[in-house]
Amino acid sequence: MDPEIRQRLDQGRYEEAFELLVRAYQTKVFHLACAILGDEALAEETAQDVFLRIWKGLAGYRGQASLSTWVYAVARNTSLTALRSRNAHRTLPLHDAVGRLEAWSPARPERATADLRVLVAGLPDPYRQVVTLYYLEGKSYVEVASLLDMPMGTVKVHLHRARKVLAERTGRARMTEGES
């Protein structure tokens, strides 16, 4: 799809290029925003802001980076700005985490999946972002490092620490074993 988008950009057909770009990247941008923000409603708003910024910058895109790299950079920066803004005005929600953990049951996979998402959402921002991109989005260490603009070693450390936190919260120490 990227060659089609680039062709339309080269021809000055920005509306068509933008429509193709939105179709190709809207889900990925939303997931990245969710990973960074941990809030679906805010991620939807932020994804809209991302595409607004992309639309405004489309005529100036010169192809120095791949289209996907440019889109992800805009998405990452916009999401981080939204995160800083949210954290500046943040109130702490009241959650009954103990009740959620007691309800978790491996015999009910649909419940386990929902609870896993709740557990991941409860991780500190850097851990949640890395876990979401690596495990839920299937990105490699290199891709996660690039998307979050951090060294690959930091990505690995965040993953290890996140697995440790999740293991402690679920009482399943085996989660920390395996990939590093």
N, C-alpha and C. Protein backbone atom coordinates (compact mmCIF):
# COMPACT_ATOMS: atom_id res chain seq x y z
N MET A 1 0.84 -1.19 0.00
CA MET A 1 0.00 0.00 0.00
C MET A 1 0.88 1.25 0.00
N ASP A 2 2.04 1.22 0.66
CA ASP A 2 2.90 2.40 0.70
C ASP A 2 3.31 2.90 -0.68
N PRO A 3 3.64 2.00 -1.63
CA PRO A 3 3.98 2.52 -2.97
C PRO A 3 2.81 3.29 -3.62
N GLU A 4 1.59 2.81 -3.39
CA GLU A 4 0.43 3.52 -3.93
C GLU A 4 0.31 4.92 -3.31
N ILE A 5 0.53 4.98 -2.02
CA ILE A 5 0.44 6.27 -1.32
C ILE A 5 1.53 7.21 -1.83
N ARG A 6 2.74 6.69 -1.92
CA ARG A 6 3.85 7.53 -2.40
C ARG A 6 3.61 8.02 -3.83
N GLN A 7 3.05 7.16 -4.66
CA GLN A 7 2.76 7.55 -6.05
C GLN A 7 1.79 8.72 -6.07
N ARG A 8 0.75 8.64 -5.25
CA ARG A 8 -0.23 9.73 -5.22
C ARG A 8 0.38 11.01 -4.64
N LEU A 9 1.25 10.86 -3.66
CA LEU A 9 1.94 12.03 -3.11
C LEU A 9 2.81 12.70 -4.18
N ASP A 10 3.55 11.88 -4.93
CA ASP A 10 4.41 12.40 -5.99
C ASP A 10 3.59 13.13 -7.06
N GLN A 11 2.36 12.69 -7.25
CA GLN A 11 1.49 13.30 -8.25
C GLN A 11 0.70 14.48 -7.68
N GLY A 12 0.90 14.77 -6.39
CA GLY A 12 0.18 15.88 -5.77
C GLY A 12 -1.28 15.56 -5.48
N ARG A 13 -1.63 14.30 -5.47
CA ARG A 13 -3.01 13.87 -5.19
C ARG A 13 -3.12 13.55 -3.70
N TYR A 14 -3.08 14.60 -2.89
CA TYR A 14 -2.97 14.46 -1.44
C TYR A 14 -4.21 13.85 -0.79
N GLU A 15 -5.39 14.21 -1.27
CA GLU A 15 -6.61 13.65 -0.67
C GLU A 15 -6.66 12.14 -0.84
N GLU A 16 -6.34 11.67 -2.05
CA GLU A 16 -6.32 10.23 -2.30
C GLU A 16 -5.24 9.54 -1.47
N ALA A 17 -4.08 10.15 -1.40
CA ALA A 17 -2.98 9.59 -0.61
C ALA A 17 -3.37 9.51 0.86
N PHE A 18 -4.03 10.56 1.34
CA PHE A 18 -4.44 10.59 2.74
C PHE A 18 -5.47 9.51 3.04
N GLU A 19 -6.43 9.32 2.15
CA GLU A 19 -7.45 8.28 2.34
C GLU A 19 -6.79 6.90 2.42
N LEU A 20 -5.85 6.63 1.54
CA LEU A 20 -5.13 5.36 1.56
C LEU A 20 -4.31 5.21 2.85
N LEU A 21 -3.68 6.30 3.24
CA LEU A 21 -2.86 6.29 4.44
C LEU A 21 -3.71 6.00 5.68
N VAL A 22 -4.86 6.62 5.77
CA VAL A 22 -5.75 6.39 6.92
C VAL A 22 -6.17 4.92 6.95
N ARG A 23 -6.59 4.39 5.80
CA ARG A 23 -6.99 2.98 5.75
C ARG A 23 -5.87 2.05 6.16
N ALA A 24 -4.66 2.36 5.73
CA ALA A 24 -3.51 1.49 6.00
C ALA A 24 -3.04 1.57 7.45
N TYR A 25 -3.18 2.73 8.07
CA TYR A 25 -2.54 2.93 9.38
C TYR A 25 -3.48 3.23 10.55
N GLN A 26 -4.77 3.36 10.31
CA GLN A 26 -5.64 3.78 11.41
C GLN A 26 -5.63 2.82 12.60
N THR A 27 -5.65 1.53 12.34
CA THR A 27 -5.65 0.56 13.43
C THR A 27 -4.31 0.57 14.16
N LYS A 28 -3.22 0.64 13.41
CA LYS A 28 -1.89 0.65 14.02
C LYS A 28 -1.67 1.91 14.85
N VAL A 29 -2.11 3.03 14.35
CA VAL A 29 -1.98 4.29 15.09
C VAL A 29 -2.80 4.23 16.37
N PHE A 30 -4.01 3.71 16.28
CA PHE A 30 -4.85 3.59 17.47
C PHE A 30 -4.20 2.68 18.51
N HIS A 31 -3.66 1.54 18.08
CA HIS A 31 -3.02 0.61 19.02
C HIS A 31 -1.78 1.24 19.66
N LEU A 32 -1.01 1.97 18.89
CA LEU A 32 0.15 2.64 19.46
C LEU A 32 -0.30 3.68 20.49
N ALA A 33 -1.32 4.45 20.15
CA ALA A 33 -1.84 5.45 21.10
C ALA A 33 -2.37 4.76 22.36
N CYS A 34 -3.04 3.63 22.21
CA CYS A 34 -3.52 2.87 23.37
C CYS A 34 -2.36 2.40 24.23
N ALA A 35 -1.31 1.92 23.57
CA ALA A 35 -0.14 1.43 24.29
C ALA A 35 0.50 2.53 25.11
N ILE A 36 0.56 3.70 24.56
CA ILE A 36 1.20 4.81 25.25
C ILE A 36 0.28 5.42 26.30
N LEU A 37 -0.99 5.54 25.98
CA LEU A 37 -1.93 6.24 26.86
C LEU A 37 -2.65 5.34 27.85
N GLY A 38 -2.88 4.08 27.47
CA GLY A 38 -3.60 3.17 28.35
C GLY A 38 -5.06 3.54 28.56
N ASP A 39 -5.64 4.25 27.63
CA ASP A 39 -7.02 4.72 27.74
C ASP A 39 -7.60 4.76 26.33
N GLU A 40 -8.57 3.89 26.06
CA GLU A 40 -9.09 3.78 24.70
C GLU A 40 -9.76 5.07 24.21
N ALA A 41 -10.51 5.71 25.07
CA ALA A 41 -11.21 6.94 24.66
C ALA A 41 -10.20 8.03 24.30
N LEU A 42 -9.19 8.19 25.15
CA LEU A 42 -8.16 9.18 24.86
C LEU A 42 -7.34 8.78 23.64
N ALA A 43 -7.14 7.48 23.45
CA ALA A 43 -6.40 6.99 22.29
C ALA A 43 -7.17 7.29 21.00
N GLU A 44 -8.50 7.18 21.03
CA GLU A 44 -9.30 7.52 19.84
C GLU A 44 -9.15 9.00 19.50
N GLU A 45 -9.24 9.84 20.51
CA GLU A 45 -9.06 11.28 20.29
C GLU A 45 -7.67 11.58 19.74
N THR A 46 -6.69 10.94 20.35
CA THR A 46 -5.30 11.16 19.95
C THR A 46 -5.06 10.67 18.54
N ALA A 47 -5.64 9.53 18.18
CA ALA A 47 -5.48 9.01 16.82
C ALA A 47 -6.05 10.01 15.81
N GLN A 48 -7.16 10.64 16.16
CA GLN A 48 -7.71 11.67 15.28
C GLN A 48 -6.75 12.85 15.15
N ASP A 49 -6.16 13.23 16.27
CA ASP A 49 -5.16 14.31 16.24
C ASP A 49 -3.96 13.92 15.38
N VAL A 50 -3.56 12.66 15.47
CA VAL A 50 -2.43 12.17 14.67
C VAL A 50 -2.73 12.36 13.19
N PHE A 51 -3.91 11.94 12.77
CA PHE A 51 -4.23 12.04 11.35
C PHE A 51 -4.46 13.48 10.92
N LEU A 52 -4.90 14.31 11.81
CA LEU A 52 -5.00 15.74 11.49
C LEU A 52 -3.60 16.31 11.25
N ARG A 53 -2.65 15.94 12.11
CA ARG A 53 -1.27 16.41 11.93
C ARG A 53 -0.66 15.84 10.65
N ILE A 54 -0.96 14.59 10.37
CA ILE A 54 -0.45 13.98 9.14
C ILE A 54 -1.02 14.70 7.93
N TRP A 55 -2.32 14.99 7.96
CA TRP A 55 -2.94 15.70 6.84
C TRP A 55 -2.27 17.05 6.62
N LYS A 56 -2.04 17.77 7.73
CA LYS A 56 -1.40 19.08 7.61
C LYS A 56 0.03 18.99 7.11
N GLY A 57 0.71 17.89 7.42
CA GLY A 57 2.11 17.76 7.03
C GLY A 57 2.34 16.95 5.77
N LEU A 58 1.28 16.44 5.18
CA LEU A 58 1.41 15.54 4.03
C LEU A 58 2.11 16.19 2.84
N ALA A 59 1.79 17.42 2.56
CA ALA A 59 2.41 18.10 1.41
C ALA A 59 3.91 18.32 1.65
N GLY A 60 4.32 18.38 2.92
CA GLY A 60 5.72 18.59 3.24
C GLY A 60 6.52 17.30 3.40
N TYR A 61 5.84 16.15 3.33
CA TYR A 61 6.54 14.87 3.46
C TYR A 61 7.46 14.68 2.25
N ARG A 62 8.74 14.47 2.51
CA ARG A 62 9.73 14.38 1.44
C ARG A 62 10.27 12.97 1.24
N GLY A 63 9.83 12.02 2.05
CA GLY A 63 10.26 10.65 1.85
C GLY A 63 11.65 10.34 2.39
N GLN A 64 12.18 11.18 3.27
CA GLN A 64 13.50 10.91 3.83
C GLN A 64 13.47 9.69 4.74
N ALA A 65 12.34 9.43 5.36
CA ALA A 65 12.12 8.21 6.14
C ALA A 65 10.98 7.46 5.46
N SER A 66 10.87 6.17 5.74
CA SER A 66 9.76 5.42 5.15
C SER A 66 8.45 6.02 5.66
N LEU A 67 7.41 5.81 4.92
CA LEU A 67 6.10 6.34 5.28
C LEU A 67 5.66 5.82 6.65
N SER A 68 5.85 4.53 6.88
CA SER A 68 5.44 3.96 8.17
C SER A 68 6.23 4.57 9.32
N THR A 69 7.51 4.80 9.13
CA THR A 69 8.33 5.42 10.18
C THR A 69 7.83 6.82 10.48
N TRP A 70 7.51 7.56 9.45
CA TRP A 70 7.00 8.92 9.62
C TRP A 70 5.66 8.90 10.36
N VAL A 71 4.75 8.02 9.94
CA VAL A 71 3.43 7.92 10.58
C VAL A 71 3.60 7.55 12.06
N TYR A 72 4.44 6.54 12.34
CA TYR A 72 4.65 6.13 13.72
C TYR A 72 5.30 7.24 14.55
N ALA A 73 6.20 7.99 13.97
CA ALA A 73 6.83 9.09 14.70
C ALA A 73 5.80 10.15 15.07
N VAL A 74 4.94 10.50 14.12
CA VAL A 74 3.88 11.46 14.40
C VAL A 74 2.95 10.91 15.48
N ALA A 75 2.59 9.64 15.36
CA ALA A 75 1.70 9.00 16.34
C ALA A 75 2.34 8.96 17.72
N ARG A 76 3.61 8.58 17.78
CA ARG A 76 4.31 8.51 19.06
C ARG A 76 4.39 9.89 19.70
N ASN A 77 4.82 10.88 18.95
CA ASN A 77 4.98 12.22 19.51
C ASN A 77 3.65 12.82 19.95
N THR A 78 2.61 12.62 19.16
CA THR A 78 1.29 13.14 19.51
C THR A 78 0.76 12.43 20.76
N SER A 79 0.98 11.13 20.84
CA SER A 79 0.53 10.36 22.00
C SER A 79 1.28 10.76 23.26
N LEU A 80 2.57 10.96 23.13
CA LEU A 80 3.36 11.38 24.30
C LEU A 80 2.95 12.76 24.78
N THR A 81 2.62 13.65 23.85
CA THR A 81 2.12 14.97 24.23
C THR A 81 0.79 14.84 24.96
N ALA A 82 -0.10 13.98 24.46
CA ALA A 82 -1.39 13.75 25.12
C ALA A 82 -1.19 13.14 26.50
N LEU A 83 -0.21 12.25 26.62
CA LEU A 83 0.08 11.62 27.92
C LEU A 83 0.56 12.66 28.92
N ARG A 84 1.47 13.52 28.50
CA ARG A 84 1.95 14.58 29.40
C ARG A 84 0.80 15.49 29.81
N SER A 85 -0.05 15.82 28.88
CA SER A 85 -1.19 16.68 29.17
C SER A 85 -2.14 16.00 30.16
N ARG A 86 -2.41 14.74 29.91
CA ARG A 86 -3.32 14.00 30.81
C ARG A 86 -2.72 13.90 32.20
N ASN A 87 -1.44 13.57 32.27
CA ASN A 87 -0.80 13.41 33.58
C ASN A 87 -0.74 14.71 34.36
N ALA A 88 -0.72 15.82 33.66
CA ALA A 88 -0.71 17.12 34.34
C ALA A 88 -2.03 17.38 35.06
N HIS A 89 -3.12 16.78 34.56
CA HIS A 89 -4.45 16.98 35.14
C HIS A 89 -5.05 15.69 35.67
N ARG A 90 -4.21 14.76 36.02
CA ARG A 90 -4.66 13.41 36.36
C ARG A 90 -5.26 13.32 37.76
N THR A 91 -6.36 12.55 37.84
CA THR A 91 -6.92 12.15 39.12
C THR A 91 -6.83 10.64 39.16
N LEU A 92 -6.64 10.09 40.31
CA LEU A 92 -6.48 8.65 40.42
C LEU A 92 -7.84 7.97 40.47
N PRO A 93 -8.10 7.02 39.54
CA PRO A 93 -9.36 6.30 39.58
C PRO A 93 -9.35 5.28 40.72
N LEU A 94 -10.52 4.99 41.24
CA LEU A 94 -10.63 4.00 42.30
C LEU A 94 -10.98 2.67 41.66
N HIS A 95 -10.08 1.73 41.77
CA HIS A 95 -10.31 0.40 41.20
C HIS A 95 -10.25 -0.63 42.31
N ASP A 96 -11.06 -1.65 42.17
CA ASP A 96 -10.98 -2.76 43.11
C ASP A 96 -10.13 -3.84 42.47
N ALA A 97 -8.81 -3.63 42.47
CA ALA A 97 -7.89 -4.55 41.80
C ALA A 97 -7.94 -5.93 42.44
N VAL A 98 -8.12 -5.99 43.76
CA VAL A 98 -8.16 -7.28 44.44
C VAL A 98 -9.34 -8.10 43.92
N GLY A 99 -10.47 -7.46 43.75
CA GLY A 99 -11.65 -8.17 43.24
C GLY A 99 -11.42 -8.70 41.84
N ARG A 100 -10.75 -7.92 41.00
CA ARG A 100 -10.45 -8.36 39.65
C ARG A 100 -9.53 -9.57 39.63
N LEU A 101 -8.52 -9.53 40.47
CA LEU A 101 -7.57 -10.64 40.51
C LEU A 101 -8.23 -11.90 41.04
N GLU A 102 -9.13 -11.77 42.01
CA GLU A 102 -9.82 -12.94 42.55
C GLU A 102 -10.75 -13.55 41.51
N ALA A 103 -11.27 -12.72 40.61
CA ALA A 103 -12.18 -13.21 39.58
C ALA A 103 -11.46 -13.92 38.45
N TRP A 104 -10.15 -13.72 38.35
CA TRP A 104 -9.37 -14.32 37.27
C TRP A 104 -9.37 -15.83 37.41
N SER A 105 -9.61 -16.50 36.31
CA SER A 105 -9.63 -17.96 36.34
C SER A 105 -9.10 -18.50 35.03
N PRO A 106 -8.06 -19.35 35.09
CA PRO A 106 -7.53 -19.93 33.86
C PRO A 106 -8.54 -20.83 33.15
N ALA A 107 -9.54 -21.31 33.89
CA ALA A 107 -10.56 -22.17 33.28
C ALA A 107 -11.50 -21.37 32.39
N ARG A 108 -11.45 -20.05 32.49
CA ARG A 108 -12.32 -19.19 31.69
C ARG A 108 -11.44 -18.26 30.86
N PRO A 109 -10.98 -18.72 29.68
CA PRO A 109 -10.02 -17.93 28.90
C PRO A 109 -10.51 -16.55 28.52
N GLU A 110 -11.80 -16.38 28.24
CA GLU A 110 -12.28 -15.05 27.87
C GLU A 110 -12.15 -14.10 29.05
N ARG A 111 -12.34 -14.60 30.25
CA ARG A 111 -12.18 -13.78 31.44
C ARG A 111 -10.68 -13.49 31.68
N ALA A 112 -9.87 -14.52 31.44
CA ALA A 112 -8.42 -14.34 31.62
C ALA A 112 -7.89 -13.28 30.67
N THR A 113 -8.37 -13.28 29.41
CA THR A 113 -7.93 -12.28 28.44
C THR A 113 -8.33 -10.88 28.89
N ALA A 114 -9.56 -10.74 29.35
CA ALA A 114 -10.03 -9.44 29.81
C ALA A 114 -9.22 -8.99 31.02
N ASP A 115 -8.96 -9.91 31.94
CA ASP A 115 -8.19 -9.56 33.13
C ASP A 115 -6.73 -9.26 32.79
N LEU A 116 -6.19 -9.96 31.80
CA LEU A 116 -4.82 -9.67 31.37
C LEU A 116 -4.74 -8.23 30.87
N ARG A 117 -5.73 -7.81 30.08
CA ARG A 117 -5.74 -6.43 29.59
C ARG A 117 -5.85 -5.44 30.76
N VAL A 118 -6.62 -5.79 31.78
CA VAL A 118 -6.74 -4.93 32.96
C VAL A 118 -5.40 -4.86 33.68
N LEU A 119 -4.74 -6.01 33.82
CA LEU A 119 -3.43 -6.03 34.48
C LEU A 119 -2.41 -5.21 33.71
N VAL A 120 -2.40 -5.37 32.40
CA VAL A 120 -1.46 -4.60 31.57
C VAL A 120 -1.78 -3.12 31.67
N ALA A 121 -3.05 -2.77 31.66
CA ALA A 121 -3.44 -1.35 31.77
C ALA A 121 -2.98 -0.76 33.10
N GLY A 122 -2.83 -1.60 34.13
CA GLY A 122 -2.41 -1.13 35.44
C GLY A 122 -0.90 -0.99 35.60
N LEU A 123 -0.15 -1.36 34.58
CA LEU A 123 1.31 -1.23 34.66
C LEU A 123 1.72 0.23 34.54
N PRO A 124 2.88 0.59 35.08
CA PRO A 124 3.40 1.94 34.86
C PRO A 124 3.55 2.20 33.35
N ASP A 125 3.42 3.44 32.94
CA ASP A 125 3.40 3.80 31.52
C ASP A 125 4.49 3.15 30.68
N PRO A 126 5.76 3.25 31.04
CA PRO A 126 6.78 2.67 30.15
C PRO A 126 6.63 1.15 30.00
N TYR A 127 6.27 0.46 31.08
CA TYR A 127 6.11 -0.99 31.01
C TYR A 127 4.90 -1.35 30.14
N ARG A 128 3.80 -0.63 30.35
CA ARG A 128 2.58 -0.90 29.60
C ARG A 128 2.81 -0.70 28.10
N GLN A 129 3.51 0.36 27.75
CA GLN A 129 3.77 0.65 26.34
C GLN A 129 4.58 -0.47 25.71
N VAL A 130 5.63 -0.89 26.38
CA VAL A 130 6.51 -1.93 25.83
C VAL A 130 5.78 -3.27 25.75
N VAL A 131 5.05 -3.65 26.79
CA VAL A 131 4.31 -4.91 26.80
C VAL A 131 3.27 -4.93 25.69
N THR A 132 2.54 -3.84 25.55
CA THR A 132 1.50 -3.78 24.53
C THR A 132 2.09 -3.93 23.13
N LEU A 133 3.15 -3.20 22.86
CA LEU A 133 3.75 -3.27 21.53
C LEU A 133 4.40 -4.63 21.26
N TYR A 134 5.11 -5.16 22.25
CA TYR A 134 5.85 -6.41 22.05
C TYR A 134 4.92 -7.62 22.01
N TYR A 135 4.07 -7.76 23.02
CA TYR A 135 3.23 -8.95 23.11
C TYR A 135 1.91 -8.82 22.35
N LEU A 136 1.23 -7.70 22.51
CA LEU A 136 -0.10 -7.58 21.91
C LEU A 136 -0.05 -7.15 20.45
N GLU A 137 0.97 -6.37 20.07
CA GLU A 137 1.11 -5.93 18.69
C GLU A 137 2.10 -6.79 17.91
N GLY A 138 2.86 -7.63 18.62
CA GLY A 138 3.79 -8.52 17.95
C GLY A 138 5.01 -7.83 17.35
N LYS A 139 5.38 -6.68 17.89
CA LYS A 139 6.55 -5.96 17.39
C LYS A 139 7.82 -6.60 17.94
N SER A 140 8.92 -6.47 17.22
CA SER A 140 10.22 -6.97 17.68
C SER A 140 10.81 -5.97 18.66
N TYR A 141 11.89 -6.39 19.34
CA TYR A 141 12.60 -5.48 20.24
C TYR A 141 13.02 -4.22 19.49
N VAL A 142 13.57 -4.42 18.29
CA VAL A 142 14.07 -3.29 17.50
C VAL A 142 12.92 -2.34 17.14
N GLU A 143 11.78 -2.90 16.73
CA GLU A 143 10.63 -2.06 16.37
C GLU A 143 10.11 -1.29 17.58
N VAL A 144 10.01 -1.98 18.72
CA VAL A 144 9.53 -1.31 19.94
C VAL A 144 10.49 -0.17 20.31
N ALA A 145 11.78 -0.47 20.26
CA ALA A 145 12.77 0.56 20.59
C ALA A 145 12.63 1.76 19.67
N SER A 146 12.45 1.50 18.39
CA SER A 146 12.31 2.58 17.42
C SER A 146 11.02 3.38 17.65
N LEU A 147 9.92 2.68 17.85
CA LEU A 147 8.63 3.35 18.03
C LEU A 147 8.60 4.21 19.29
N LEU A 148 9.25 3.73 20.35
CA LEU A 148 9.22 4.46 21.61
C LEU A 148 10.46 5.33 21.80
N ASP A 149 11.34 5.31 20.82
CA ASP A 149 12.55 6.13 20.85
C ASP A 149 13.35 5.89 22.12
N MET A 150 13.65 4.58 22.35
CA MET A 150 14.46 4.22 23.50
C MET A 150 15.44 3.12 23.10
N PRO A 151 16.53 2.98 23.83
CA PRO A 151 17.50 1.93 23.50
C PRO A 151 16.88 0.54 23.65
N MET A 152 17.36 -0.41 22.84
CA MET A 152 16.82 -1.76 22.89
C MET A 152 17.02 -2.39 24.26
N GLY A 153 18.13 -2.10 24.92
CA GLY A 153 18.36 -2.62 26.27
C GLY A 153 17.29 -2.16 27.24
N THR A 154 16.85 -0.93 27.10
CA THR A 154 15.80 -0.40 27.96
C THR A 154 14.49 -1.13 27.69
N VAL A 155 14.22 -1.44 26.43
CA VAL A 155 13.02 -2.20 26.08
C VAL A 155 13.05 -3.55 26.80
N LYS A 156 14.19 -4.23 26.73
CA LYS A 156 14.31 -5.55 27.36
C LYS A 156 14.15 -5.45 28.88
N VAL A 157 14.73 -4.42 29.47
CA VAL A 157 14.60 -4.24 30.92
C VAL A 157 13.14 -3.97 31.29
N HIS A 158 12.47 -3.12 30.53
CA HIS A 158 11.06 -2.83 30.80
C HIS A 158 10.22 -4.09 30.67
N LEU A 159 10.48 -4.91 29.66
CA LEU A 159 9.73 -6.16 29.49
C LEU A 159 9.96 -7.09 30.68
N HIS A 160 11.21 -7.22 31.08
CA HIS A 160 11.52 -8.09 32.21
C HIS A 160 10.81 -7.61 33.48
N ARG A 161 10.91 -6.33 33.75
CA ARG A 161 10.29 -5.78 34.96
C ARG A 161 8.77 -5.87 34.89
N ALA A 162 8.21 -5.66 33.71
CA ALA A 162 6.75 -5.77 33.54
C ALA A 162 6.29 -7.19 33.80
N ARG A 163 7.03 -8.17 33.27
CA ARG A 163 6.67 -9.58 33.52
C ARG A 163 6.75 -9.89 35.01
N LYS A 164 7.74 -9.32 35.67
CA LYS A 164 7.89 -9.55 37.10
C LYS A 164 6.71 -8.96 37.87
N VAL A 165 6.32 -7.74 37.52
CA VAL A 165 5.17 -7.09 38.17
C VAL A 165 3.90 -7.90 37.92
N LEU A 166 3.70 -8.32 36.68
CA LEU A 166 2.51 -9.11 36.34
C LEU A 166 2.52 -10.43 37.09
N ALA A 167 3.68 -11.05 37.20
CA ALA A 167 3.79 -12.32 37.92
C ALA A 167 3.43 -12.12 39.39
N GLU A 168 3.92 -11.05 39.99
CA GLU A 168 3.60 -10.77 41.39
C GLU A 168 2.10 -10.52 41.57
N ARG A 169 1.52 -9.80 40.63
CA ARG A 169 0.10 -9.47 40.75
C ARG A 169 -0.81 -10.67 40.53
N THR A 170 -0.35 -11.63 39.78
CA THR A 170 -1.18 -12.82 39.52
C THR A 170 -0.73 -14.02 40.34
N GLY A 171 0.40 -13.86 41.04
CA GLY A 171 0.91 -14.97 41.82
C GLY A 171 1.49 -16.07 40.97
N ARG A 172 1.89 -15.74 39.76
CA ARG A 172 2.39 -16.75 38.83
C ARG A 172 3.84 -16.42 38.49
N ALA A 173 4.75 -16.88 39.29
CA ALA A 173 6.17 -16.56 39.12
C ALA A 173 6.73 -17.08 37.80
N ARG A 174 6.09 -18.04 37.17
CA ARG A 174 6.60 -18.60 35.93
C ARG A 174 6.57 -17.59 34.78
N MET A 175 5.78 -16.53 34.89
CA MET A 175 5.70 -15.53 33.82
C MET A 175 7.06 -14.84 33.60
N THR A 176 7.88 -14.79 34.63
CA THR A 176 9.15 -14.09 34.50
C THR A 176 10.19 -14.94 33.79
N GLU A 177 9.92 -16.23 33.65
CA GLU A 177 10.87 -17.10 32.96
C GLU A 177 10.62 -17.03 31.46
N GLY A 178 11.53 -17.49 30.70
CA GLY A 178 11.34 -17.53 29.24
C GLY A 178 12.07 -16.40 28.57
N GLU A 179 11.37 -15.64 27.72
CA GLU A 179 11.99 -14.61 26.88
C GLU A 179 12.60 -13.51 27.75
N SER A 180 13.70 -13.03 27.28
CA SER A 180 14.33 -11.85 27.92
C SER A 180 14.89 -10.96 26.89
